[in-house]
């Protein structure tokens, strides 16, 4: 950004994925721009489940059409069957665009705010070494930067002894997250002190935007990780893992498989933070509830990693 200066006190605008498709009047099949059959929808449901573990309900048919229609326009295609043929041919660039289009990215700064005091207290109770966090569905960056702000405040240092790995499946949102540039409306609910301390306000061509300060950005590393892949390019142990509002898009079998893989990546006294509508009762042999949507290992000695 050019000509950045400290902001005055300045969450989020809702992405397309936040709107309820049931509230829209479904377009008649013959009124649609592209040919889109029931068979096309079923193939797409199967592909995104295999690729990303996302379970699409019957009610998501219009959403799928809306999001992927942009890809058909970009490719100059007229039928979804032709688009699916491109994927079947193994076009990796289009596979990435396909996955990005169907990934949900609703987020905001300090969403589910009750988690952050727990994180700060947990970090301060473990002095003398680096505090490691994995935010495994970071979207456009608001969550890992909220974690970074919390820990900077807790340690009362601009460069606290922390390392935050922020990952996502969607490469487009990862690029935006790494830039750390947001419209002022995205930070307007932050306290004036946080805005002043952690952001720079753009002027000129960058007016109306703010950028996360470099010292805060330096504590976060962004990386593409697909939670369904056989091997994750991560090394624990982590003091905390944030996997919030992710499991709701997977079926129970997929949820359990991912959650069990988190266990050996956590320190024995580590914490797992999940979303407000998520419960880990189906893996109660691995995780036990510590607080509101905060879990710890049920048998820490059995999952010791160091």
C-alpha atoms as a PDB file:
ATOM      1  CA  UNK A   1       0.000   0.000   0.000  1.00  0.00           C
ATOM      2  CA  UNK A   2       1.161   3.516  -0.659  1.00  0.00           C
ATOM      3  CA  UNK A   3       1.432   6.339   1.854  1.00  0.00           C
ATOM      4  CA  UNK A   4       0.201   4.527   4.932  1.00  0.00           C
ATOM      5  CA  UNK A   5      -0.426   6.354   8.162  1.00  0.00           C
ATOM      6  CA  UNK A   6      -1.943   5.509  11.519  1.00  0.00           C
ATOM      7  CA  UNK A   7      -5.744   5.194  11.392  1.00  0.00           C
ATOM      8  CA  UNK A   8      -8.366   6.829  13.448  1.00  0.00           C
ATOM      9  CA  UNK A   9     -10.718   4.440  15.115  1.00  0.00           C
ATOM     10  CA  UNK A  10     -12.449   2.798  12.401  1.00  0.00           C
ATOM     11  CA  UNK A  11     -17.651  -7.179  10.629  1.00  0.00           C
ATOM     12  CA  UNK A  12     -17.688  -7.930   8.027  1.00  0.00           C
ATOM     13  CA  UNK A  13     -19.491  -7.609   4.785  1.00  0.00           C
ATOM     14  CA  UNK A  14     -21.091 -10.926   4.005  1.00  0.00           C
ATOM     15  CA  UNK A  15     -19.636 -12.951   1.160  1.00  0.00           C
ATOM     16  CA  UNK A  16     -21.891 -14.669  -1.332  1.00  0.00           C
ATOM     17  CA  UNK A  17     -21.766 -17.849   0.717  1.00  0.00           C
ATOM     18  CA  UNK A  18     -23.517 -16.179   3.652  1.00  0.00           C
ATOM     19  CA  UNK A  19     -26.829 -15.777   1.862  1.00  0.00           C
ATOM     20  CA  UNK A  20     -29.433 -18.481   2.205  1.00  0.00           C
ATOM     21  CA  UNK A  21     -30.077 -19.980  -1.201  1.00  0.00           C
ATOM     22  CA  UNK A  22     -33.567 -20.932  -0.035  1.00  0.00           C
ATOM     23  CA  UNK A  23     -34.448 -17.243   0.128  1.00  0.00           C
ATOM     24  CA  UNK A  24     -33.895 -16.801  -3.602  1.00  0.00           C
ATOM     25  CA  UNK A  25     -36.487 -17.731  -6.166  1.00  0.00           C
ATOM     26  CA  UNK A  26     -34.994 -20.613  -8.155  1.00  0.00           C
ATOM     27  CA  UNK A  27     -34.500 -19.779 -11.774  1.00  0.00           C
ATOM     28  CA  UNK A  28     -36.459 -21.888 -14.214  1.00  0.00           C
ATOM     29  CA  UNK A  29     -34.218 -24.324 -16.049  1.00  0.00           C
ATOM     30  CA  UNK A  30     -35.036 -22.878 -19.454  1.00  0.00           C
ATOM     31  CA  UNK A  31     -34.308 -19.331 -18.232  1.00  0.00           C
ATOM     32  CA  UNK A  32     -30.760 -20.110 -17.202  1.00  0.00           C
ATOM     33  CA  UNK A  33     -27.782 -18.919 -19.177  1.00  0.00           C
ATOM     34  CA  UNK A  34     -26.145 -22.358 -19.148  1.00  0.00           C
ATOM     35  CA  UNK A  35     -27.520 -25.881 -19.460  1.00  0.00           C
ATOM     36  CA  UNK A  36     -27.467 -27.385 -15.973  1.00  0.00           C
ATOM     37  CA  UNK A  37     -29.033 -30.776 -15.401  1.00  0.00           C
ATOM     38  CA  UNK A  38     -29.755 -32.791 -12.307  1.00  0.00           C
ATOM     39  CA  UNK A  39     -27.034 -35.188 -13.415  1.00  0.00           C
ATOM     40  CA  UNK A  40     -24.560 -32.285 -13.591  1.00  0.00           C
ATOM     41  CA  UNK A  41     -25.411 -31.293 -10.018  1.00  0.00           C
ATOM     42  CA  UNK A  42     -24.968 -34.840  -8.744  1.00  0.00           C
ATOM     43  CA  UNK A  43     -21.573 -35.108 -10.443  1.00  0.00           C
ATOM     44  CA  UNK A  44     -20.496 -31.812  -8.884  1.00  0.00           C
ATOM     45  CA  UNK A  45     -21.638 -32.961  -5.442  1.00  0.00           C
ATOM     46  CA  UNK A  46     -19.557 -36.118  -5.818  1.00  0.00           C
ATOM     47  CA  UNK A  47     -16.479 -34.253  -7.079  1.00  0.00           C
ATOM     48  CA  UNK A  48     -16.389 -31.605  -4.328  1.00  0.00           C
ATOM     49  CA  UNK A  49     -16.935 -34.267  -1.683  1.00  0.00           C
ATOM     50  CA  UNK A  50     -14.042 -36.325  -3.013  1.00  0.00           C
ATOM     51  CA  UNK A  51     -11.843 -33.258  -3.465  1.00  0.00           C
ATOM     52  CA  UNK A  52     -12.579 -31.272  -0.305  1.00  0.00           C
ATOM     53  CA  UNK A  53     -14.882 -33.358   1.871  1.00  0.00           C
ATOM     54  CA  UNK A  54     -17.686 -30.809   1.481  1.00  0.00           C
ATOM     55  CA  UNK A  55     -21.186 -32.302   1.632  1.00  0.00           C
ATOM     56  CA  UNK A  56     -23.626 -30.300  -0.491  1.00  0.00           C
ATOM     57  CA  UNK A  57     -27.307 -30.708   0.299  1.00  0.00           C
ATOM     58  CA  UNK A  58     -30.096 -30.736  -2.254  1.00  0.00           C
ATOM     59  CA  UNK A  59     -30.854 -27.129  -1.331  1.00  0.00           C
ATOM     60  CA  UNK A  60     -27.454 -25.985  -2.680  1.00  0.00           C
ATOM     61  CA  UNK A  61     -28.289 -26.551  -6.356  1.00  0.00           C
ATOM     62  CA  UNK A  62     -28.878 -22.874  -7.130  1.00  0.00           C
ATOM     63  CA  UNK A  63     -25.772 -21.862  -5.182  1.00  0.00           C
ATOM     64  CA  UNK A  64     -23.663 -24.306  -7.192  1.00  0.00           C
ATOM     65  CA  UNK A  65     -25.059 -22.959 -10.456  1.00  0.00           C
ATOM     66  CA  UNK A  66     -24.420 -19.345  -9.454  1.00  0.00           C
ATOM     67  CA  UNK A  67     -20.835 -19.895  -8.364  1.00  0.00           C
ATOM     68  CA  UNK A  68     -19.738 -22.127 -11.217  1.00  0.00           C
ATOM     69  CA  UNK A  69     -21.521 -20.107 -13.926  1.00  0.00           C
ATOM     70  CA  UNK A  70     -18.635 -17.640 -13.641  1.00  0.00           C
ATOM     71  CA  UNK A  71     -16.220 -20.407 -14.565  1.00  0.00           C
ATOM     72  CA  UNK A  72     -18.264 -21.351 -17.629  1.00  0.00           C
ATOM     73  CA  UNK A  73     -18.225 -17.719 -18.779  1.00  0.00           C
ATOM     74  CA  UNK A  74     -14.476 -17.537 -18.254  1.00  0.00           C
ATOM     75  CA  UNK A  75     -13.975 -20.694 -20.334  1.00  0.00           C
ATOM     76  CA  UNK A  76     -16.499 -19.753 -23.025  1.00  0.00           C
ATOM     77  CA  UNK A  77     -18.651 -22.823 -22.372  1.00  0.00           C
ATOM     78  CA  UNK A  78     -22.409 -23.207 -22.696  1.00  0.00           C
ATOM     79  CA  UNK A  79     -23.124 -26.399 -20.771  1.00  0.00           C
ATOM     80  CA  UNK A  80     -22.117 -27.667 -17.361  1.00  0.00           C
ATOM     81  CA  UNK A  81     -21.444 -31.042 -18.934  1.00  0.00           C
ATOM     82  CA  UNK A  82     -18.722 -29.403 -21.039  1.00  0.00           C
ATOM     83  CA  UNK A  83     -17.258 -27.816 -17.924  1.00  0.00           C
ATOM     84  CA  UNK A  84     -17.228 -31.166 -16.146  1.00  0.00           C
ATOM     85  CA  UNK A  85     -15.418 -32.604 -19.145  1.00  0.00           C
ATOM     86  CA  UNK A  86     -12.659 -30.025 -18.633  1.00  0.00           C
ATOM     87  CA  UNK A  87     -12.277 -31.222 -15.045  1.00  0.00           C
ATOM     88  CA  UNK A  88     -12.331 -34.857 -16.149  1.00  0.00           C
ATOM     89  CA  UNK A  89      -9.470 -34.072 -18.540  1.00  0.00           C
ATOM     90  CA  UNK A  90      -7.332 -33.176 -15.535  1.00  0.00           C
ATOM     91  CA  UNK A  91      -6.986 -29.410 -15.946  1.00  0.00           C
ATOM     92  CA  UNK A  92      -5.332 -28.592 -12.596  1.00  0.00           C
ATOM     93  CA  UNK A  93      -5.812 -24.834 -12.947  1.00  0.00           C
ATOM     94  CA  UNK A  94      -9.534 -25.361 -13.406  1.00  0.00           C
ATOM     95  CA  UNK A  95      -9.670 -27.872 -10.552  1.00  0.00           C
ATOM     96  CA  UNK A  96      -8.270 -25.169  -8.273  1.00  0.00           C
ATOM     97  CA  UNK A  97     -10.816 -22.621  -9.548  1.00  0.00           C
ATOM     98  CA  UNK A  98     -13.609 -25.191  -9.100  1.00  0.00           C
ATOM     99  CA  UNK A  99     -12.618 -25.844  -5.496  1.00  0.00           C
ATOM    100  CA  UNK A 100     -12.203 -22.139  -4.718  1.00  0.00           C
ATOM    101  CA  UNK A 101     -15.654 -21.383  -6.129  1.00  0.00           C
ATOM    102  CA  UNK A 102     -17.400 -23.884  -3.879  1.00  0.00           C
ATOM    103  CA  UNK A 103     -15.515 -23.082  -0.688  1.00  0.00           C
ATOM    104  CA  UNK A 104     -17.346 -21.065   1.981  1.00  0.00           C
ATOM    105  CA  UNK A 105     -15.411 -18.100   3.419  1.00  0.00           C
ATOM    106  CA  UNK A 106     -17.535 -16.343   6.042  1.00  0.00           C
ATOM    107  CA  UNK A 107     -15.275 -14.693   8.612  1.00  0.00           C
ATOM    108  CA  UNK A 108     -14.653 -11.569  10.690  1.00  0.00           C
ATOM    109  CA  UNK A 109     -12.173 -10.217  13.221  1.00  0.00           C
ATOM    110  CA  UNK A 110     -12.602 -11.684  16.721  1.00  0.00           C
ATOM    111  CA  UNK A 111     -15.508 -13.854  15.681  1.00  0.00           C
ATOM    112  CA  UNK A 112     -16.706 -15.931  18.673  1.00  0.00           C
ATOM    113  CA  UNK A 113     -14.892 -13.527  20.964  1.00  0.00           C
ATOM    114  CA  UNK A 114     -15.064 -15.735  24.084  1.00  0.00           C
ATOM    115  CA  UNK A 115     -12.213 -17.862  22.705  1.00  0.00           C
ATOM    116  CA  UNK A 116      -9.560 -15.164  22.739  1.00  0.00           C
ATOM    117  CA  UNK A 117      -9.265 -14.524  26.516  1.00  0.00           C
ATOM    118  CA  UNK A 118      -8.903 -18.300  26.949  1.00  0.00           C
ATOM    119  CA  UNK A 119      -6.139 -18.317  24.339  1.00  0.00           C
ATOM    120  CA  UNK A 120      -4.326 -15.412  26.048  1.00  0.00           C
ATOM    121  CA  UNK A 121      -4.503 -17.051  29.470  1.00  0.00           C
ATOM    122  CA  UNK A 122      -3.289 -20.350  28.059  1.00  0.00           C
ATOM    123  CA  UNK A 123      -0.313 -18.699  26.326  1.00  0.00           C
ATOM    124  CA  UNK A 124       0.756 -16.763  29.423  1.00  0.00           C
ATOM    125  CA  UNK A 125       0.690 -19.918  31.537  1.00  0.00           C
ATOM    126  CA  UNK A 126       3.421 -21.417  29.342  1.00  0.00           C
ATOM    127  CA  UNK A 127       6.350 -18.986  29.569  1.00  0.00           C
ATOM    128  CA  UNK A 128       9.887 -19.649  28.466  1.00  0.00           C
ATOM    129  CA  UNK A 129       9.243 -21.022  24.992  1.00  0.00           C
ATOM    130  CA  UNK A 130       7.559 -20.173  21.718  1.00  0.00           C
ATOM    131  CA  UNK A 131       3.784 -20.530  21.587  1.00  0.00           C
ATOM    132  CA  UNK A 132       2.664 -22.325  18.398  1.00  0.00           C
ATOM    133  CA  UNK A 133      -0.806 -22.100  16.860  1.00  0.00           C
ATOM    134  CA  UNK A 134      -2.364 -23.659  13.766  1.00  0.00           C
ATOM    135  CA  UNK A 135      -5.391 -21.895  12.302  1.00  0.00           C
ATOM    136  CA  UNK A 136      -6.494 -24.500   9.790  1.00  0.00           C
ATOM    137  CA  UNK A 137      -9.299 -22.646   7.972  1.00  0.00           C
ATOM    138  CA  UNK A 138      -8.033 -19.092   7.898  1.00  0.00           C
ATOM    139  CA  UNK A 139     -10.102 -17.745   4.987  1.00  0.00           C
ATOM    140  CA  UNK A 140      -9.157 -14.108   4.251  1.00  0.00           C
ATOM    141  CA  UNK A 141      -7.027 -13.790   7.371  1.00  0.00           C
ATOM    142  CA  UNK A 142      -9.245 -12.209   9.985  1.00  0.00           C
ATOM    143  CA  UNK A 143      -8.986 -15.201  12.315  1.00  0.00           C
ATOM    144  CA  UNK A 144      -5.184 -15.650  12.353  1.00  0.00           C
ATOM    145  CA  UNK A 145      -4.672 -11.895  12.680  1.00  0.00           C
ATOM    146  CA  UNK A 146      -7.126 -11.901  15.614  1.00  0.00           C
ATOM    147  CA  UNK A 147      -5.022 -14.647  17.177  1.00  0.00           C
ATOM    148  CA  UNK A 148      -1.867 -12.625  16.528  1.00  0.00           C
ATOM    149  CA  UNK A 149      -3.377  -9.473  18.078  1.00  0.00           C
ATOM    150  CA  UNK A 150      -4.512 -11.421  21.130  1.00  0.00           C
ATOM    151  CA  UNK A 151      -1.048 -12.858  21.722  1.00  0.00           C
ATOM    152  CA  UNK A 152       0.727  -9.549  21.095  1.00  0.00           C
ATOM    153  CA  UNK A 153      -1.505  -7.959  23.727  1.00  0.00           C
ATOM    154  CA  UNK A 154      -1.042 -10.860  26.126  1.00  0.00           C
ATOM    155  CA  UNK A 155       2.754 -10.731  25.953  1.00  0.00           C
ATOM    156  CA  UNK A 156       2.748  -6.920  25.792  1.00  0.00           C
ATOM    157  CA  UNK A 157       5.323  -7.066  23.016  1.00  0.00           C
ATOM    158  CA  UNK A 158       5.163  -6.043  19.358  1.00  0.00           C
ATOM    159  CA  UNK A 159       6.990  -9.260  18.415  1.00  0.00           C
ATOM    160  CA  UNK A 160       5.824 -11.863  20.939  1.00  0.00           C
ATOM    161  CA  UNK A 161       7.362 -15.370  21.025  1.00  0.00           C
ATOM    162  CA  UNK A 162       4.615 -16.891  18.894  1.00  0.00           C
ATOM    163  CA  UNK A 163       4.338 -18.673  15.567  1.00  0.00           C
ATOM    164  CA  UNK A 164       1.004 -18.935  13.772  1.00  0.00           C
ATOM    165  CA  UNK A 165       0.453 -21.264  10.818  1.00  0.00           C
ATOM    166  CA  UNK A 166      -2.644 -20.181   8.879  1.00  0.00           C
ATOM    167  CA  UNK A 167      -3.932 -22.534   6.215  1.00  0.00           C
ATOM    168  CA  UNK A 168      -6.879 -22.868   3.896  1.00  0.00           C
ATOM    169  CA  UNK A 169      -7.976 -24.877   0.885  1.00  0.00           C
ATOM    170  CA  UNK A 170      -8.835 -21.769  -1.167  1.00  0.00           C
ATOM    171  CA  UNK A 171      -5.778 -20.203  -2.794  1.00  0.00           C
ATOM    172  CA  UNK A 172      -7.570 -16.958  -3.616  1.00  0.00           C
ATOM    173  CA  UNK A 173      -8.428 -16.168  -0.004  1.00  0.00           C
ATOM    174  CA  UNK A 174      -4.922 -17.145   1.076  1.00  0.00           C
ATOM    175  CA  UNK A 175      -3.465 -14.507  -1.249  1.00  0.00           C
ATOM    176  CA  UNK A 176      -5.770 -11.887   0.205  1.00  0.00           C
ATOM    177  CA  UNK A 177      -4.942 -12.979   3.747  1.00  0.00           C
ATOM    178  CA  UNK A 178      -1.205 -12.718   3.148  1.00  0.00           C
ATOM    179  CA  UNK A 179      -1.636  -9.147   1.875  1.00  0.00           C
ATOM    180  CA  UNK A 180      -3.449  -8.188   5.078  1.00  0.00           C
ATOM    181  CA  UNK A 181      -5.400  -5.388   3.383  1.00  0.00           C
ATOM    182  CA  UNK A 182      -9.028  -4.785   4.392  1.00  0.00           C
ATOM    183  CA  UNK A 183     -11.772  -2.283   3.789  1.00  0.00           C
ATOM    184  CA  UNK A 184     -12.213   0.037   6.758  1.00  0.00           C
ATOM    185  CA  UNK A 185     -15.665  -1.451   7.356  1.00  0.00           C
ATOM    186  CA  UNK A 186     -13.987  -4.746   8.198  1.00  0.00           C
ATOM    187  CA  UNK A 187     -12.176  -3.256  11.187  1.00  0.00           C
ATOM    188  CA  UNK A 188     -14.792  -0.771  12.393  1.00  0.00           C
ATOM    189  CA  UNK A 189     -15.834  -2.998  15.308  1.00  0.00           C
ATOM    190  CA  UNK A 190     -12.320  -3.252  16.664  1.00  0.00           C
ATOM    191  CA  UNK A 191     -11.394  -1.025  19.581  1.00  0.00           C
ATOM    192  CA  UNK A 192      -9.677   2.268  18.691  1.00  0.00           C
ATOM    193  CA  UNK A 193      -6.562   1.035  20.482  1.00  0.00           C
ATOM    194  CA  UNK A 194      -6.369  -2.127  18.376  1.00  0.00           C
ATOM    195  CA  UNK A 195      -6.901  -0.185  15.178  1.00  0.00           C
ATOM    196  CA  UNK A 196      -4.146   2.277  16.092  1.00  0.00           C
ATOM    197  CA  UNK A 197      -1.721  -0.391  17.243  1.00  0.00           C
ATOM    198  CA  UNK A 198      -2.153  -3.048  14.590  1.00  0.00           C
ATOM    199  CA  UNK A 199      -3.218  -1.293  11.367  1.00  0.00           C
ATOM    200  CA  UNK A 200      -2.055   1.384   8.964  1.00  0.00           C
ATOM    201  CA  UNK A 201      -4.606   3.387   7.050  1.00  0.00           C
ATOM    202  CA  UNK A 202      -4.245   3.883   3.306  1.00  0.00           C
ATOM    203  CA  UNK A 203      -4.326   7.253   1.580  1.00  0.00           C
ATOM    204  CA  UNK A 204      -4.602   8.299  -2.039  1.00  0.00           C
ATOM    205  CA  UNK A 205      -5.362   5.291  -4.205  1.00  0.00           C
ATOM    206  CA  UNK A 206      -5.550   3.153  -1.041  1.00  0.00           C
ATOM    207  CA  UNK A 207      -8.055   5.375   0.758  1.00  0.00           C
ATOM    208  CA  UNK A 208     -10.822   3.441   2.460  1.00  0.00           C
ATOM    209  CA  UNK A 209      -8.528   0.516   3.254  1.00  0.00           C
ATOM    210  CA  UNK A 210      -6.231  -0.482   6.082  1.00  0.00           C
ATOM    211  CA  UNK A 211      -3.303  -2.879   6.211  1.00  0.00           C
ATOM    212  CA  UNK A 212      -2.133  -5.073   9.061  1.00  0.00           C
ATOM    213  CA  UNK A 213       1.203  -3.779  10.323  1.00  0.00           C
ATOM    214  CA  UNK A 214       4.276  -5.667   9.159  1.00  0.00           C
ATOM    215  CA  UNK A 215       5.333  -6.763  12.642  1.00  0.00           C
ATOM    216  CA  UNK A 216       1.986  -8.495  13.160  1.00  0.00           C
ATOM    217  CA  UNK A 217       1.988 -10.041   9.678  1.00  0.00           C
ATOM    218  CA  UNK A 218       5.444 -11.457  10.344  1.00  0.00           C
ATOM    219  CA  UNK A 219       4.069 -13.737  13.067  1.00  0.00           C
ATOM    220  CA  UNK A 220       1.723 -15.482  10.606  1.00  0.00           C
ATOM    221  CA  UNK A 221       2.719 -17.922   7.850  1.00  0.00           C
ATOM    222  CA  UNK A 222       0.096 -18.707   5.215  1.00  0.00           C
ATOM    223  CA  UNK A 223       0.022 -22.070   3.459  1.00  0.00           C
ATOM    224  CA  UNK A 224      -2.460 -24.051   1.371  1.00  0.00           C
ATOM    225  CA  UNK A 225      -3.517 -27.242   3.143  1.00  0.00           C
ATOM    226  CA  UNK A 226      -6.356 -29.561   2.222  1.00  0.00           C
ATOM    227  CA  UNK A 227      -7.561 -31.307   5.378  1.00  0.00           C
ATOM    228  CA  UNK A 228      -8.612 -34.302   3.288  1.00  0.00           C
ATOM    229  CA  UNK A 229      -5.147 -34.984   1.930  1.00  0.00           C
ATOM    230  CA  UNK A 230      -3.360 -38.112   3.145  1.00  0.00           C
ATOM    231  CA  UNK A 231      -0.429 -36.115   4.484  1.00  0.00           C
ATOM    232  CA  UNK A 232      -0.414 -32.632   5.972  1.00  0.00           C
ATOM    233  CA  UNK A 233       2.741 -30.535   5.492  1.00  0.00           C
ATOM    234  CA  UNK A 234       2.760 -29.491   9.148  1.00  0.00           C
ATOM    235  CA  UNK A 235       4.866 -30.419  12.129  1.00  0.00           C
ATOM    236  CA  UNK A 236       3.644 -30.215  15.669  1.00  0.00           C
ATOM    237  CA  UNK A 237       3.364 -29.996  18.450  1.00  0.00           C
ATOM    238  CA  UNK A 238       0.991 -27.039  18.590  1.00  0.00           C
ATOM    239  CA  UNK A 239      -0.158 -25.314  21.748  1.00  0.00           C
ATOM    240  CA  UNK A 240      -3.499 -24.526  20.123  1.00  0.00           C
ATOM    241  CA  UNK A 241      -5.389 -25.504  16.981  1.00  0.00           C
ATOM    242  CA  UNK A 242      -8.252 -23.389  15.672  1.00  0.00           C
ATOM    243  CA  UNK A 243     -10.676 -25.358  13.497  1.00  0.00           C
ATOM    244  CA  UNK A 244     -13.799 -23.262  13.828  1.00  0.00           C
ATOM    245  CA  UNK A 245     -16.930 -23.578  11.693  1.00  0.00           C
ATOM    246  CA  UNK A 246     -15.260 -26.098   9.423  1.00  0.00           C
ATOM    247  CA  UNK A 247     -16.609 -29.440  10.599  1.00  0.00           C
ATOM    248  CA  UNK A 248     -20.182 -28.417   9.835  1.00  0.00           C
ATOM    249  CA  UNK A 249     -19.400 -28.844   6.118  1.00  0.00           C
ATOM    250  CA  UNK A 250     -18.194 -32.451   6.524  1.00  0.00           C
ATOM    251  CA  UNK A 251     -20.111 -35.618   7.259  1.00  0.00           C
ATOM    252  CA  UNK A 252     -19.541 -37.347  10.606  1.00  0.00           C
ATOM    253  CA  UNK A 253     -17.091 -39.894   9.243  1.00  0.00           C
ATOM    254  CA  UNK A 254     -14.901 -37.190   7.699  1.00  0.00           C
ATOM    255  CA  UNK A 255     -15.140 -35.072  10.846  1.00  0.00           C
ATOM    256  CA  UNK A 256     -13.956 -37.918  13.038  1.00  0.00           C
ATOM    257  CA  UNK A 257     -11.053 -38.771  10.743  1.00  0.00           C
ATOM    258  CA  UNK A 258      -9.776 -35.171  10.733  1.00  0.00           C
ATOM    259  CA  UNK A 259     -10.241 -34.651  14.458  1.00  0.00           C
ATOM    260  CA  UNK A 260      -8.319 -37.823  15.283  1.00  0.00           C
ATOM    261  CA  UNK A 261      -5.446 -36.584  13.136  1.00  0.00           C
ATOM    262  CA  UNK A 262      -5.317 -33.355  15.178  1.00  0.00           C
ATOM    263  CA  UNK A 263      -4.657 -35.227  18.417  1.00  0.00           C
ATOM    264  CA  UNK A 264      -0.977 -36.174  17.875  1.00  0.00           C
ATOM    265  CA  UNK A 265      -0.274 -32.642  16.627  1.00  0.00           C
ATOM    266  CA  UNK A 266      -1.314 -31.061  19.943  1.00  0.00           C
ATOM    267  CA  UNK A 267       0.889 -30.714  22.989  1.00  0.00           C
ATOM    268  CA  UNK A 268      -0.428 -32.760  25.934  1.00  0.00           C
ATOM    269  CA  UNK A 269      -1.873 -29.575  27.459  1.00  0.00           C
ATOM    270  CA  UNK A 270      -2.883 -28.046  24.124  1.00  0.00           C
ATOM    271  CA  UNK A 271      -6.291 -26.662  23.204  1.00  0.00           C
ATOM    272  CA  UNK A 272      -8.600 -27.242  20.252  1.00  0.00           C
ATOM    273  CA  UNK A 273     -11.025 -24.408  19.439  1.00  0.00           C
ATOM    274  CA  UNK A 274     -14.149 -25.230  17.392  1.00  0.00           C
ATOM    275  CA  UNK A 275     -17.191 -23.315  16.178  1.00  0.00           C
ATOM    276  CA  UNK A 276     -20.292 -22.453  18.193  1.00  0.00           C
ATOM    277  CA  UNK A 277     -22.461 -25.044  16.435  1.00  0.00           C
ATOM    278  CA  UNK A 278     -19.909 -27.834  16.515  1.00  0.00           C
ATOM    279  CA  UNK A 279     -19.607 -30.657  19.031  1.00  0.00           C
ATOM    280  CA  UNK A 280     -16.980 -33.362  19.425  1.00  0.00           C
ATOM    281  CA  UNK A 281     -19.156 -35.920  21.196  1.00  0.00           C
ATOM    282  CA  UNK A 282     -18.447 -38.494  18.465  1.00  0.00           C
ATOM    283  CA  UNK A 283     -14.721 -38.405  19.302  1.00  0.00           C
ATOM    284  CA  UNK A 284     -15.093 -38.167  23.077  1.00  0.00           C
ATOM    285  CA  UNK A 285     -12.428 -40.847  23.479  1.00  0.00           C
ATOM    286  CA  UNK A 286      -9.914 -38.352  22.039  1.00  0.00           C
ATOM    287  CA  UNK A 287     -11.130 -34.912  23.166  1.00  0.00           C
ATOM    288  CA  UNK A 288     -12.962 -33.706  26.242  1.00  0.00           C
ATOM    289  CA  UNK A 289     -14.726 -30.403  26.759  1.00  0.00           C
ATOM    290  CA  UNK A 290     -12.734 -27.792  28.677  1.00  0.00           C
ATOM    291  CA  UNK A 291     -14.988 -24.762  28.171  1.00  0.00           C
ATOM    292  CA  UNK A 292     -17.482 -23.366  25.721  1.00  0.00           C
ATOM    293  CA  UNK A 293     -16.448 -24.951  22.380  1.00  0.00           C
ATOM    294  CA  UNK A 294     -12.888 -25.415  23.698  1.00  0.00           C
ATOM    295  CA  UNK A 295     -11.486 -28.942  23.958  1.00  0.00           C
ATOM    296  CA  UNK A 296      -8.365 -30.638  25.241  1.00  0.00           C
ATOM    297  CA  UNK A 297      -6.996 -34.130  24.845  1.00  0.00           C
ATOM    298  CA  UNK A 298      -8.977 -36.702  26.813  1.00  0.00           C
ATOM    299  CA  UNK A 299      -5.862 -38.746  27.589  1.00  0.00           C
ATOM    300  CA  UNK A 300      -2.918 -36.454  27.077  1.00  0.00           C
ATOM    301  CA  UNK A 301      -0.259 -39.048  27.857  1.00  0.00           C
ATOM    302  CA  UNK A 302      -1.556 -41.290  25.064  1.00  0.00           C
ATOM    303  CA  UNK A 303      -1.071 -38.521  22.508  1.00  0.00           C
ATOM    304  CA  UNK A 304       2.206 -37.062  23.723  1.00  0.00           C
ATOM    305  CA  UNK A 305       4.261 -35.743  20.824  1.00  0.00           C
ATOM    306  CA  UNK A 306       7.338 -34.485  22.571  1.00  0.00           C
END
